Every structure is written in C-alpha cells, then in structure tokens.
Amino acid sequence: MDTKKVALGTVLLVISSVVLMATGALRQTELLIPAAIASLGMAAGALLVGTSGSGRPV
C-alpha cells in the first residue's frame, strides 16, 4: 500500500469535506465555485485512496 497516496487522498477528503460543509451552512451563492472545486477534490481524494493498494481498484 502506498502511504503517500493514502495520506494525500485523506487530506484532500478532509479539506474538501470541511469546505462543502461550510458552504452548505453559509448558503451564499458566492461559494458555489469553492463548493464545486471541493467536490472535485473529494473525487480526487477518493481516487487516490482507492488506487493505493496493490490489487484491482474497486
């Protein structure tokens, strides 16, 4: 298992989750672009964590 991929993916997931929760709580239209970027960050983080193992990624 590649620990660098897991660590980077976990950091991306946590930061993106915080940004999405903050934009949802504030409910301002100016925060739509950061929310969109955060959703891409969550996808990238999940991809990094999912492909960090030696077997087939699921």
Protein backbone atom coordinates (compact mmCIF):
# COMPACT_ATOMS: atom_id res chain seq x y z
CA MET A 1 0.00 0.00 0.00
CA ASP A 2 1.35 3.41 -0.99
CA THR A 3 1.16 5.53 2.17
CA LYS A 4 1.82 8.78 0.31
CA LYS A 5 -1.26 8.25 -1.84
CA VAL A 6 -3.36 7.38 1.18
CA ALA A 7 -2.14 10.40 3.13
CA LEU A 8 -2.70 12.82 0.25
CA GLY A 9 -6.10 11.32 -0.50
CA THR A 10 -7.15 11.54 3.13
CA VAL A 11 -6.05 15.17 3.36
CA LEU A 12 -7.98 16.00 0.18
CA LEU A 13 -11.08 14.26 1.50
CA VAL A 14 -10.96 16.03 4.87
CA ILE A 15 -10.30 19.51 3.46
CA SER A 16 -12.94 19.09 0.77
CA SER A 17 -15.48 17.87 3.30
CA VAL A 18 -14.87 20.89 5.51
CA VAL A 19 -15.27 23.26 2.57
CA LEU A 20 -18.51 21.58 1.47
CA MET A 21 -19.95 21.65 4.99
CA ALA A 22 -19.03 25.32 5.37
CA THR A 23 -20.59 26.30 2.05
CA GLY A 24 -23.74 24.39 2.92
CA ALA A 25 -24.02 26.06 6.30
CA LEU A 26 -23.43 29.59 4.97
CA ARG A 27 -25.80 29.23 1.97
CA GLN A 28 -24.28 32.01 -0.11
CA THR A 29 -24.23 31.91 -3.89
CA GLU A 30 -20.67 33.25 -3.99
CA LEU A 31 -19.49 29.96 -2.51
CA LEU A 32 -20.67 27.80 -5.41
CA ILE A 33 -17.26 27.78 -7.11
CA PRO A 34 -15.36 26.70 -3.96
CA ALA A 35 -18.02 24.02 -3.43
CA ALA A 36 -17.54 22.75 -6.99
CA ILE A 37 -13.77 22.66 -6.52
CA ALA A 38 -14.24 20.85 -3.20
CA SER A 39 -16.38 18.19 -4.87
CA LEU A 40 -13.60 17.64 -7.41
CA GLY A 41 -11.15 17.39 -4.51
CA MET A 42 -13.31 14.72 -2.90
CA ALA A 43 -13.35 12.76 -6.15
CA ALA A 44 -9.56 13.03 -6.46
CA GLY A 45 -9.06 12.03 -2.83
CA ALA A 46 -11.31 9.01 -3.17
CA LEU A 47 -9.47 8.02 -6.35
CA LEU A 48 -6.08 8.28 -4.64
CA VAL A 49 -7.18 6.23 -1.65
CA GLY A 50 -8.96 3.68 -3.83
CA THR A 51 -5.99 3.07 -6.09
CA SER A 52 -3.33 2.98 -3.38
CA GLY A 53 -3.46 -0.79 -2.90
CA SER A 54 -1.70 -3.42 -4.96
CA GLY A 55 -4.87 -5.18 -6.10
CA ARG A 56 -7.53 -4.10 -8.53
CA PRO A 57 -9.09 -0.75 -7.67
CA VAL A 58 -12.77 -1.04 -6.93
